[in-house]
Amino acid sequence: MGNYRRKVYEVELSSRAKLVYLYLVDRADKENKCFPGIRTIARHLSISESTVRRALTELEKEKLIRKEMRKRGNGSFSSNTYYLL
């Protein structure tokens, strides 16, 4: 995981994007993916859901993460999967 933590310092990012990125790194599994909900991220980091969304957009733009939609068995949507790149 150390390489992922260093990446955040090599790119011009807002403080909100750095905070969310480090949260995702902390939650990532051995395959470098995690799937926390936006509401959960916001609650854990004490920031708004809209701030989380802006941070995730910024991280995708900088190609630090890739977001993939997840569906439950019944076809309804679940939280996204986030892959660290």
C-alpha atoms as a PDB file:
ATOM      1  CA  MET A   1       0.000   0.000   0.000  1.00  0.00           C
ATOM      2  CA  GLY A   2       2.924   2.371   0.492  1.00  0.00           C
ATOM      3  CA  ASN A   3       3.197   3.198  -3.219  1.00  0.00           C
ATOM      4  CA  TYR A   4      -0.427   4.281  -3.307  1.00  0.00           C
ATOM      5  CA  ARG A   5       0.062   6.615  -0.385  1.00  0.00           C
ATOM      6  CA  ARG A   6       3.022   8.258  -2.116  1.00  0.00           C
ATOM      7  CA  LYS A   7       1.055   8.858  -5.338  1.00  0.00           C
ATOM      8  CA  VAL A   8      -1.202  11.322  -3.595  1.00  0.00           C
ATOM      9  CA  TYR A   9       1.763  13.626  -2.962  1.00  0.00           C
ATOM     10  CA  GLU A  10       3.025  13.509  -6.563  1.00  0.00           C
ATOM     11  CA  VAL A  11      -0.088  15.084  -8.098  1.00  0.00           C
ATOM     12  CA  GLU A  12      -1.689  18.498  -7.611  1.00  0.00           C
ATOM     13  CA  LEU A  13      -4.835  17.674  -5.651  1.00  0.00           C
ATOM     14  CA  SER A  14      -7.171  19.532  -3.352  1.00  0.00           C
ATOM     15  CA  SER A  15      -7.017  18.684   0.326  1.00  0.00           C
ATOM     16  CA  ARG A  16     -10.460  17.039   0.066  1.00  0.00           C
ATOM     17  CA  ALA A  17      -9.225  14.722  -2.707  1.00  0.00           C
ATOM     18  CA  LYS A  18      -6.124  13.789  -0.704  1.00  0.00           C
ATOM     19  CA  LEU A  19      -8.242  13.049   2.349  1.00  0.00           C
ATOM     20  CA  VAL A  20     -10.677  10.832   0.414  1.00  0.00           C
ATOM     21  CA  TYR A  21      -7.839   9.089  -1.437  1.00  0.00           C
ATOM     22  CA  LEU A  22      -6.061   8.192   1.794  1.00  0.00           C
ATOM     23  CA  TYR A  23      -9.377   6.929   3.171  1.00  0.00           C
ATOM     24  CA  LEU A  24      -9.763   4.645   0.142  1.00  0.00           C
ATOM     25  CA  VAL A  25      -6.160   3.433   0.475  1.00  0.00           C
ATOM     26  CA  ASP A  26      -6.825   2.614   4.111  1.00  0.00           C
ATOM     27  CA  ARG A  27      -9.951   0.615   3.207  1.00  0.00           C
ATOM     28  CA  ALA A  28      -8.540  -1.185   0.136  1.00  0.00           C
ATOM     29  CA  ASP A  29      -8.175  -4.967   0.096  1.00  0.00           C
ATOM     30  CA  LYS A  30      -5.318  -7.047  -1.362  1.00  0.00           C
ATOM     31  CA  GLU A  31      -6.699  -6.435  -4.853  1.00  0.00           C
ATOM     32  CA  ASN A  32      -6.515  -2.664  -4.243  1.00  0.00           C
ATOM     33  CA  LYS A  33     -10.269  -2.186  -4.293  1.00  0.00           C
ATOM     34  CA  CYS A  34     -12.859  -1.077  -1.772  1.00  0.00           C
ATOM     35  CA  PHE A  35     -16.528  -0.209  -1.814  1.00  0.00           C
ATOM     36  CA  PRO A  36     -17.528   2.292   0.872  1.00  0.00           C
ATOM     37  CA  GLY A  37     -20.668   4.329   0.243  1.00  0.00           C
ATOM     38  CA  ILE A  38     -20.470   8.079  -0.215  1.00  0.00           C
ATOM     39  CA  ARG A  39     -22.518   8.607   2.941  1.00  0.00           C
ATOM     40  CA  THR A  40     -20.110   6.387   4.907  1.00  0.00           C
ATOM     41  CA  ILE A  41     -17.039   8.203   3.594  1.00  0.00           C
ATOM     42  CA  ALA A  42     -18.622  11.558   4.452  1.00  0.00           C
ATOM     43  CA  ARG A  43     -19.547  10.436   7.956  1.00  0.00           C
ATOM     44  CA  HIS A  44     -16.120   8.938   8.705  1.00  0.00           C
ATOM     45  CA  LEU A  45     -14.263  12.008   7.412  1.00  0.00           C
ATOM     46  CA  SER A  46     -16.704  14.607   8.811  1.00  0.00           C
ATOM     47  CA  ILE A  47     -17.261  16.202   5.409  1.00  0.00           C
ATOM     48  CA  SER A  48     -20.359  16.578   3.253  1.00  0.00           C
ATOM     49  CA  GLU A  49     -21.509  14.046   0.681  1.00  0.00           C
ATOM     50  CA  SER A  50     -21.128  16.645  -2.073  1.00  0.00           C
ATOM     51  CA  THR A  51     -17.520  17.212  -1.003  1.00  0.00           C
ATOM     52  CA  VAL A  52     -16.898  13.462  -1.250  1.00  0.00           C
ATOM     53  CA  ARG A  53     -18.407  13.423  -4.752  1.00  0.00           C
ATOM     54  CA  ARG A  54     -16.204  16.320  -5.869  1.00  0.00           C
ATOM     55  CA  ALA A  55     -13.128  14.590  -4.428  1.00  0.00           C
ATOM     56  CA  LEU A  56     -13.946  11.309  -6.183  1.00  0.00           C
ATOM     57  CA  THR A  57     -14.410  13.140  -9.484  1.00  0.00           C
ATOM     58  CA  GLU A  58     -11.034  14.803  -9.032  1.00  0.00           C
ATOM     59  CA  LEU A  59      -9.360  11.475  -8.231  1.00  0.00           C
ATOM     60  CA  GLU A  60     -10.865   9.870 -11.320  1.00  0.00           C
ATOM     61  CA  LYS A  61      -9.748  12.796 -13.476  1.00  0.00           C
ATOM     62  CA  GLU A  62      -6.177  12.383 -12.201  1.00  0.00           C
ATOM     63  CA  LYS A  63      -6.418   8.623 -12.863  1.00  0.00           C
ATOM     64  CA  LEU A  64      -5.720   7.711  -9.244  1.00  0.00           C
ATOM     65  CA  ILE A  65      -8.915   5.677  -8.969  1.00  0.00           C
ATOM     66  CA  ARG A  66     -11.402   3.949 -11.224  1.00  0.00           C
ATOM     67  CA  LYS A  67     -15.046   3.765 -10.182  1.00  0.00           C
ATOM     68  CA  GLU A  68     -17.302   0.869 -11.111  1.00  0.00           C
ATOM     69  CA  MET A  69     -21.010   0.599 -10.349  1.00  0.00           C
ATOM     70  CA  ARG A  70     -22.158  -2.461  -8.369  1.00  0.00           C
ATOM     71  CA  LYS A  71     -25.503  -4.193  -8.416  1.00  0.00           C
ATOM     72  CA  ARG A  72     -27.124  -6.377  -5.811  1.00  0.00           C
ATOM     73  CA  GLY A  73     -28.568  -9.776  -6.660  1.00  0.00           C
ATOM     74  CA  ASN A  74     -32.024  -8.235  -7.118  1.00  0.00           C
ATOM     75  CA  GLY A  75     -30.727  -5.740  -9.704  1.00  0.00           C
ATOM     76  CA  SER A  76     -30.751  -2.648  -7.478  1.00  0.00           C
ATOM     77  CA  PHE A  77     -27.615  -0.570  -7.241  1.00  0.00           C
ATOM     78  CA  SER A  78     -25.225  -0.783  -4.306  1.00  0.00           C
ATOM     79  CA  SER A  79     -22.199   1.339  -3.399  1.00  0.00           C
ATOM     80  CA  ASN A  80     -19.556   1.734  -6.096  1.00  0.00           C
ATOM     81  CA  THR A  81     -16.345  -0.249  -6.184  1.00  0.00           C
ATOM     82  CA  TYR A  82     -13.245   1.950  -6.187  1.00  0.00           C
ATOM     83  CA  TYR A  83     -10.013   0.601  -7.669  1.00  0.00           C
ATOM     84  CA  LEU A  84      -6.702   2.221  -6.785  1.00  0.00           C
ATOM     85  CA  LEU A  85      -4.631   2.705  -9.944  1.00  0.00           C
END
